[in-house]
């Protein structure tokens, strides 16, 4: 396939996916579109809905093309859901539009464009090269309770065990190929509350103001130095993300004060350990804590898999990627329990922004990179 035909083919598939509104949790049409792309390539499609409200239902897809018995299994993983587009777009967010060399639309880089490149990558791979699978969820941008975790359960039920997995998140920063994510920090969000006794500000002896207690609690938490980082991870950080009293009266001492903190942590900690530490501080100040652990930190140590990816990137772009664990979380935090997992994809400058856009040449280049990665991963 020529460069021009590859670009046209990947762009057409990306447009078809973008044209399906799929604000998280995604269902229906966008999965129809992907199924129509993969089925003619020999993939057996398993679509299922998992979970109930409030975090479900969520649609997921497990598409598998079986190779010869005993052959290696390489998995592509990603998500078809997108964040809400918001207002002020130059063109309609779900009406893909090409202007110059840029394709605009919600999901262009995060991550319908990458999924289109994955499909193009496997189109020319011979069926006897090995087993290829697509692990696709409709709920990565949302609670992620019934998405990839449900897909992992489905894979285990079917006895499917990939040898390696590539997640197509937009990891590149300035140029396609300049960064590969070999791990991620963990994430825990903690809701804090301090109860008091409501009263008149002129009679404080008849009330118990919870705000000073909460302020003291947050000051102690904000002063924590969790660590100085490691060889592969930046320092863990604790951020205060919300304060709430809800007191609309100027002369009333409130009965309740609330806050929320978010901790992104490296491999020196676990979510449970950090939650217990914060809970102890909260209780010392007369409050309580409710933690929700979104995921633990993980690292796929540099080695054979990362070298396969770096070699493919260098051949197609001339760039030697930086191996990094920076940024937020992704569904790789679940997939790391299945097999070695690494993230690599498009430039992330416009993800989640108004007028999200991808460079059309990058889509074609990414397809070639993905094809090289898949061939090498199946051959090892």
Protein backbone atom coordinates (compact mmCIF):
# COMPACT_ATOMS: atom_id res chain seq x y z
CA UNK A 1 0.00 0.00 0.00
CA UNK A 2 1.40 3.42 -0.97
CA UNK A 3 1.81 6.28 1.49
CA UNK A 4 -1.04 8.18 -0.20
CA UNK A 5 -3.42 5.21 -0.11
CA UNK A 6 -2.48 4.44 3.51
CA UNK A 7 -3.20 8.04 4.52
CA UNK A 8 -6.55 7.99 2.71
CA UNK A 9 -7.54 4.63 4.19
CA UNK A 10 -6.66 5.50 7.79
CA UNK A 11 -8.25 8.94 7.49
CA UNK A 12 -11.49 7.41 6.20
CA UNK A 13 -11.64 4.99 9.12
CA UNK A 14 -10.87 7.74 11.62
CA UNK A 15 -13.65 9.87 10.11
CA UNK A 16 -16.14 7.03 10.40
CA UNK A 17 -15.35 6.61 14.09
CA UNK A 18 -15.33 10.35 14.86
CA UNK A 19 -18.71 10.74 13.12
CA UNK A 20 -20.30 8.50 15.77
CA UNK A 21 -21.09 10.58 18.88
CA UNK A 22 -19.68 8.55 21.74
CA UNK A 23 -19.48 10.65 24.89
CA UNK A 24 -18.61 8.30 27.71
CA UNK A 25 -20.01 5.71 28.23
CA UNK A 26 -20.04 4.90 24.51
CA UNK A 27 -22.44 2.36 23.04
CA UNK A 28 -23.98 1.37 19.76
CA UNK A 29 -23.02 3.11 16.54
CA UNK A 30 -19.32 3.61 17.19
CA UNK A 31 -18.94 -0.10 18.01
CA UNK A 32 -20.93 -0.92 14.86
CA UNK A 33 -18.42 1.10 12.85
CA UNK A 34 -15.40 -0.65 14.34
CA UNK A 35 -16.99 -4.07 13.92
CA UNK A 36 -17.58 -3.31 10.24
CA UNK A 37 -13.87 -2.56 9.89
CA UNK A 38 -12.56 -5.61 11.74
CA UNK A 39 -14.95 -8.38 10.67
CA UNK A 40 -13.81 -8.37 7.00
CA UNK A 41 -10.22 -8.79 8.24
CA UNK A 42 -11.09 -12.12 9.84
CA UNK A 43 -11.74 -10.99 13.41
CA UNK A 44 -14.35 -12.74 15.51
CA UNK A 45 -16.27 -10.00 17.30
CA UNK A 46 -17.47 -10.37 20.88
CA UNK A 47 -19.54 -7.36 21.98
CA UNK A 48 -21.12 -7.30 25.42
CA UNK A 49 -22.62 -4.86 27.90
CA UNK A 50 -21.49 -4.91 31.51
CA UNK A 51 -22.71 -3.26 34.70
CA UNK A 52 -25.66 -1.26 35.87
CA UNK A 53 -26.23 2.34 36.98
CA UNK A 54 -24.64 4.46 38.25
CA UNK A 55 -21.36 3.33 36.61
CA UNK A 56 -22.94 1.27 33.84
CA UNK A 57 -24.14 -0.08 31.56
CA UNK A 58 -20.96 -0.07 29.45
CA UNK A 59 -20.42 -1.64 26.04
CA UNK A 60 -17.14 -3.40 25.32
CA UNK A 61 -15.61 -5.26 22.40
CA UNK A 62 -13.15 -8.14 22.29
CA UNK A 63 -12.12 -8.84 18.69
CA UNK A 64 -9.80 -11.79 18.07
CA UNK A 65 -8.16 -13.20 14.96
CA UNK A 66 -6.70 -16.55 15.91
CA UNK A 67 -3.29 -17.54 14.61
CA UNK A 68 -1.81 -21.02 14.40
CA UNK A 69 -2.02 -23.07 17.58
CA UNK A 70 0.79 -22.17 19.92
CA UNK A 71 1.60 -18.90 18.16
CA UNK A 72 2.18 -15.70 20.05
CA UNK A 73 -0.69 -13.37 20.92
CA UNK A 74 -0.34 -9.60 20.52
CA UNK A 75 -3.10 -7.26 21.73
CA UNK A 76 -4.03 -3.71 20.82
CA UNK A 77 -6.08 -1.92 23.49
CA UNK A 78 -8.00 1.33 23.54
CA UNK A 79 -11.29 3.11 24.02
CA UNK A 80 -14.03 4.47 21.79
CA UNK A 81 -15.59 6.79 24.34
CA UNK A 82 -14.68 10.46 24.41
CA UNK A 83 -15.06 13.36 26.83
CA UNK A 84 -17.90 15.84 26.25
CA UNK A 85 -16.93 18.23 23.44
CA UNK A 86 -18.01 21.45 25.11
CA UNK A 87 -18.91 24.65 23.28
CA UNK A 88 -17.10 26.88 20.81
CA UNK A 89 -15.86 24.46 18.16
CA UNK A 90 -15.01 25.87 14.74
CA UNK A 91 -16.82 22.92 13.18
CA UNK A 92 -19.21 20.40 14.71
CA UNK A 93 -17.25 18.06 17.01
CA UNK A 94 -18.85 14.90 15.60
CA UNK A 95 -18.78 16.03 11.96
CA UNK A 96 -15.15 15.28 11.03
CA UNK A 97 -13.63 17.97 8.89
CA UNK A 98 -10.28 18.14 7.12
CA UNK A 99 -8.61 21.52 6.89
CA UNK A 100 -5.19 21.39 5.32
CA UNK A 101 -3.37 18.37 6.77
CA UNK A 102 -5.44 18.29 9.96
CA UNK A 103 -8.50 16.17 10.67
CA UNK A 104 -10.73 17.82 13.28
CA UNK A 105 -13.25 16.13 15.57
CA UNK A 106 -13.71 14.92 19.12
CA UNK A 107 -11.63 11.79 19.55
CA UNK A 108 -9.26 12.55 16.67
CA UNK A 109 -6.26 11.87 18.91
CA UNK A 110 -7.88 10.44 22.06
CA UNK A 111 -8.23 7.93 20.68
CA UNK A 112 -10.25 7.11 17.60
CA UNK A 113 -7.36 8.11 15.36
CA UNK A 114 -5.09 5.58 17.05
CA UNK A 115 -7.71 2.84 16.74
CA UNK A 116 -8.03 3.58 13.01
CA UNK A 117 -4.25 3.23 12.74
CA UNK A 118 -4.41 -0.09 14.59
CA UNK A 119 -6.97 -1.43 12.11
CA UNK A 120 -4.86 -0.30 9.17
CA UNK A 121 -1.81 -1.90 10.78
CA UNK A 122 -3.34 -5.38 10.92
CA UNK A 123 -4.99 -5.22 7.50
CA UNK A 124 -1.86 -6.46 5.74
CA UNK A 125 -0.63 -8.82 8.47
CA UNK A 126 -0.97 -12.44 7.34
CA UNK A 127 -3.31 -14.56 9.42
CA UNK A 128 -0.55 -17.08 10.13
CA UNK A 129 1.64 -14.42 11.78
CA UNK A 130 0.00 -15.10 15.14
CA UNK A 131 -3.04 -14.17 17.19
CA UNK A 132 -4.11 -10.52 17.16
CA UNK A 133 -6.75 -9.05 19.44
CA UNK A 134 -8.44 -5.72 20.00
CA UNK A 135 -9.42 -4.94 23.60
CA UNK A 136 -11.79 -1.99 23.23
CA UNK A 137 -13.93 -0.36 25.90
CA UNK A 138 -16.62 2.30 25.87
CA UNK A 139 -15.70 3.63 29.31
CA UNK A 140 -12.12 4.78 29.75
CA UNK A 141 -12.95 8.45 30.15
CA UNK A 142 -15.61 7.72 32.77
CA UNK A 143 -15.62 5.68 35.98
CA UNK A 144 -13.90 2.75 34.18
CA UNK A 145 -15.62 0.26 36.48
CA UNK A 146 -17.29 -1.93 33.84
CA UNK A 147 -14.91 -1.29 30.94
CA UNK A 148 -11.45 -2.80 30.64
CA UNK A 149 -11.83 -4.64 33.94
CA UNK A 150 -14.86 -6.45 32.50
CA UNK A 151 -12.92 -7.15 29.32
CA UNK A 152 -10.13 -8.75 31.36
CA UNK A 153 -12.69 -10.97 33.09
CA UNK A 154 -14.07 -11.92 29.67
CA UNK A 155 -10.61 -12.80 28.40
CA UNK A 156 -9.93 -14.99 31.41
CA UNK A 157 -13.24 -16.78 30.96
CA UNK A 158 -12.26 -17.53 27.37
CA UNK A 159 -8.69 -18.50 28.22
CA UNK A 160 -7.21 -15.67 26.18
CA UNK A 161 -3.77 -14.59 27.36
CA UNK A 162 -1.90 -11.99 25.30
CA UNK A 163 1.88 -12.13 25.44
CA UNK A 164 2.18 -8.36 24.99
CA UNK A 165 -0.30 -5.47 24.89
CA UNK A 166 0.00 -2.02 23.34
CA UNK A 167 -2.41 0.71 24.49
CA UNK A 168 -2.87 3.44 21.88
CA UNK A 169 -3.13 6.45 24.19
CA UNK A 170 -1.74 9.72 22.77
CA UNK A 171 1.70 9.66 24.40
CA UNK A 172 3.67 11.79 21.94
CA UNK A 173 4.36 15.36 23.01
CA UNK A 174 6.01 17.51 20.32
CA UNK A 175 6.36 15.05 17.44
CA UNK A 176 4.88 11.65 16.75
CA UNK A 177 7.20 9.12 18.34
CA UNK A 178 9.02 11.29 20.84
CA UNK A 179 7.60 9.57 23.95
CA UNK A 180 6.57 6.06 24.97
CA UNK A 181 4.92 5.34 28.31
CA UNK A 182 6.35 2.29 30.07
CA UNK A 183 4.42 2.87 33.29
CA UNK A 184 2.10 5.19 35.14
CA UNK A 185 1.72 6.56 38.62
CA UNK A 186 -1.19 5.36 40.72
CA UNK A 187 -4.15 7.52 41.65
CA UNK A 188 -6.28 7.85 44.78
CA UNK A 189 -8.98 10.46 45.41
CA UNK A 190 -10.07 11.07 48.98
CA UNK A 191 -13.19 12.92 50.13
CA UNK A 192 -12.80 14.61 53.53
CA UNK A 193 -15.51 15.81 55.91
CA UNK A 194 -15.58 17.55 59.28
CA UNK A 195 -18.85 17.86 61.14
CA UNK A 196 -19.59 20.69 63.56
CA UNK A 197 -22.60 22.29 65.15
CA UNK A 198 -24.46 25.03 63.34
CA UNK A 199 -25.01 28.28 65.19
CA UNK A 200 -25.12 32.07 65.13
CA UNK A 201 -21.76 33.77 64.60
CA UNK A 202 -22.52 36.12 67.51
CA UNK A 203 -22.84 33.13 69.86
CA UNK A 204 -19.86 30.91 68.95
CA UNK A 205 -19.97 29.20 72.36
CA UNK A 206 -23.23 27.59 71.24
CA UNK A 207 -21.72 26.29 68.01
CA UNK A 208 -18.79 24.22 66.80
CA UNK A 209 -17.19 25.58 63.63
CA UNK A 210 -15.84 22.74 61.44
CA UNK A 211 -13.93 25.03 59.06
CA UNK A 212 -10.83 25.68 61.23
CA UNK A 213 -10.51 21.93 61.80
CA UNK A 214 -10.70 21.25 58.09
CA UNK A 215 -8.20 24.02 57.35
CA UNK A 216 -5.76 22.56 59.87
CA UNK A 217 -6.24 19.11 58.38
CA UNK A 218 -5.58 20.36 54.86
CA UNK A 219 -2.54 22.34 55.99
CA UNK A 220 -1.00 19.19 57.43
CA UNK A 221 -1.82 17.19 54.33
CA UNK A 222 -0.50 19.89 52.01
CA UNK A 223 2.80 19.96 53.92
CA UNK A 224 3.45 16.25 53.40
CA UNK A 225 6.48 15.33 51.30
CA UNK A 226 5.61 11.86 50.12
CA UNK A 227 8.93 11.07 48.41
CA UNK A 228 11.59 12.48 46.09
CA UNK A 229 10.82 10.26 43.12
CA UNK A 230 12.61 7.17 41.76
CA UNK A 231 14.67 6.27 38.73
CA UNK A 232 11.59 5.95 36.54
CA UNK A 233 8.96 7.94 38.44
CA UNK A 234 8.60 11.58 39.35
CA UNK A 235 7.82 12.48 42.95
CA UNK A 236 4.37 11.61 44.25
CA UNK A 237 2.15 14.64 44.74
CA UNK A 238 -0.91 15.43 46.85
CA UNK A 239 -3.21 18.16 45.58
CA UNK A 240 -6.25 19.78 47.22
CA UNK A 241 -8.87 19.75 44.47
CA UNK A 242 -12.08 20.94 46.14
CA UNK A 243 -13.38 22.88 49.15
CA UNK A 244 -17.05 23.06 49.99
CA UNK A 245 -19.04 24.59 52.84
CA UNK A 246 -22.23 25.59 51.07
CA UNK A 247 -22.96 28.35 53.56
CA UNK A 248 -25.02 31.10 51.93
CA UNK A 249 -25.62 33.07 55.14
CA UNK A 250 -23.08 35.58 56.47
CA UNK A 251 -24.13 35.15 60.07
CA UNK A 252 -24.25 31.37 60.39
CA UNK A 253 -21.52 29.00 61.53
CA UNK A 254 -21.93 25.96 59.24
CA UNK A 255 -22.49 22.43 60.42
CA UNK A 256 -20.31 20.70 57.83
CA UNK A 257 -17.14 21.41 55.85
CA UNK A 258 -15.90 19.22 53.00
CA UNK A 259 -12.82 18.91 50.83
CA UNK A 260 -11.32 16.55 48.29
CA UNK A 261 -7.71 15.68 47.62
CA UNK A 262 -6.07 13.76 44.80
CA UNK A 263 -2.79 11.87 45.14
CA UNK A 264 -0.74 10.66 42.18
CA UNK A 265 1.81 8.26 43.55
CA UNK A 266 4.79 6.25 42.36
CA UNK A 267 5.96 2.72 43.08
CA UNK A 268 7.14 3.65 46.59
CA UNK A 269 3.51 3.62 47.76
CA UNK A 270 0.25 1.75 47.46
CA UNK A 271 -3.18 3.31 47.33
CA UNK A 272 -4.22 1.57 50.54
CA UNK A 273 -1.17 2.82 52.43
CA UNK A 274 -1.75 6.41 51.37
CA UNK A 275 -5.48 6.20 52.12
CA UNK A 276 -4.69 4.94 55.63
CA UNK A 277 -2.19 7.75 56.18
CA UNK A 278 -4.67 10.42 55.14
CA UNK A 279 -7.44 8.82 57.21
CA UNK A 280 -5.25 8.98 60.30
CA UNK A 281 -4.60 12.70 59.77
CA UNK A 282 -8.28 13.36 59.09
CA UNK A 283 -9.36 11.62 62.28
CA UNK A 284 -6.73 13.49 64.30
CA UNK A 285 -8.50 16.72 63.30
CA UNK A 286 -11.95 15.40 64.07
CA UNK A 287 -12.85 14.47 60.51
CA UNK A 288 -13.32 11.40 58.36
CA UNK A 289 -11.99 10.28 55.01
CA UNK A 290 -13.53 8.30 52.15
CA UNK A 291 -10.87 7.11 49.69
CA UNK A 292 -11.39 5.70 46.21
CA UNK A 293 -8.32 4.12 44.62
CA UNK A 294 -8.43 4.47 40.84
CA UNK A 295 -5.32 2.39 40.20
CA UNK A 296 -1.91 1.41 41.45
CA UNK A 297 1.37 2.48 39.92
CA UNK A 298 3.09 0.11 37.53
CA UNK A 299 6.24 -0.18 35.46
CA UNK A 300 7.04 -2.36 32.47
CA UNK A 301 10.84 -2.33 32.82
CA UNK A 302 12.79 -1.38 29.70
CA UNK A 303 13.58 -4.48 27.73
CA UNK A 304 12.49 -6.47 24.71
CA UNK A 305 9.02 -4.95 24.34
CA UNK A 306 10.07 -1.32 24.70
CA UNK A 307 12.94 -1.96 22.28
CA UNK A 308 10.52 -3.36 19.68
CA UNK A 309 8.49 -0.15 19.92
CA UNK A 310 11.53 2.15 19.88
CA UNK A 311 13.00 0.36 16.85
CA UNK A 312 9.72 0.68 14.92
CA UNK A 313 9.44 4.36 15.78
CA UNK A 314 13.03 5.08 14.77
CA UNK A 315 12.66 3.32 11.41
CA UNK A 316 9.53 5.26 10.50
CA UNK A 317 10.34 8.67 12.01
CA UNK A 318 14.06 8.82 12.71
CA UNK A 319 13.27 9.60 16.35
CA UNK A 320 14.57 7.69 19.35
CA UNK A 321 11.66 7.87 21.83
CA UNK A 322 11.99 8.89 25.45
CA UNK A 323 10.74 6.23 27.85
CA UNK A 324 8.53 7.88 30.46
CA UNK A 325 5.97 7.29 33.21
CA UNK A 326 4.65 10.86 33.28
CA UNK A 327 1.07 12.00 32.90
CA UNK A 328 -2.23 10.69 34.13
CA UNK A 329 -3.70 7.23 34.38
CA UNK A 330 -5.01 4.98 31.62
CA UNK A 331 -6.52 1.53 31.31
CA UNK A 332 -2.99 0.16 31.22
CA UNK A 333 -3.31 0.19 35.01
CA UNK A 334 -5.66 -2.79 34.65
CA UNK A 335 -4.02 -4.51 31.69
CA UNK A 336 -0.66 -4.68 33.47
CA UNK A 337 -2.14 -7.55 35.49
CA UNK A 338 -2.63 -9.55 32.27
CA UNK A 339 0.71 -9.17 30.48
CA UNK A 340 3.47 -6.61 29.87
CA UNK A 341 1.81 -3.40 28.66
CA UNK A 342 3.18 -0.22 27.09
CA UNK A 343 1.40 2.87 25.77
CA UNK A 344 2.22 4.60 22.52
CA UNK A 345 0.20 6.83 20.24
CA UNK A 346 -0.43 10.21 18.65
CA UNK A 347 0.56 13.71 19.76
CA UNK A 348 -1.50 14.76 22.77
CA UNK A 349 -1.47 18.55 22.41
CA UNK A 350 -5.19 18.85 21.56
CA UNK A 351 -6.71 15.94 23.49
CA UNK A 352 -9.76 16.93 25.56
CA UNK A 353 -9.55 20.43 24.01
CA UNK A 354 -11.90 22.34 21.77
CA UNK A 355 -11.02 21.75 18.08
CA UNK A 356 -9.20 18.50 18.80
CA UNK A 357 -7.24 17.54 15.69
CA UNK A 358 -4.78 15.01 14.32
CA UNK A 359 -2.25 15.43 11.50
CA UNK A 360 -3.24 13.11 8.66
CA UNK A 361 0.37 12.10 7.89
CA UNK A 362 0.72 11.06 11.56
CA UNK A 363 -2.19 8.64 11.21
CA UNK A 364 -0.50 6.89 8.29
CA UNK A 365 2.89 6.87 10.00
CA UNK A 366 1.37 5.48 13.17
CA UNK A 367 -0.27 2.69 11.18
CA UNK A 368 3.12 1.70 9.78
CA UNK A 369 4.70 1.85 13.24
CA UNK A 370 1.94 -0.30 14.71
CA UNK A 371 2.35 -2.82 11.87
CA UNK A 372 6.07 -3.10 12.57
CA UNK A 373 5.43 -3.52 16.29
CA UNK A 374 2.83 -6.23 15.73
CA UNK A 375 5.04 -8.17 13.31
CA UNK A 376 8.03 -8.02 15.64
CA UNK A 377 5.99 -8.85 18.76
CA UNK A 378 4.49 -11.92 17.09
CA UNK A 379 7.85 -13.08 15.76
CA UNK A 380 9.65 -13.05 19.12
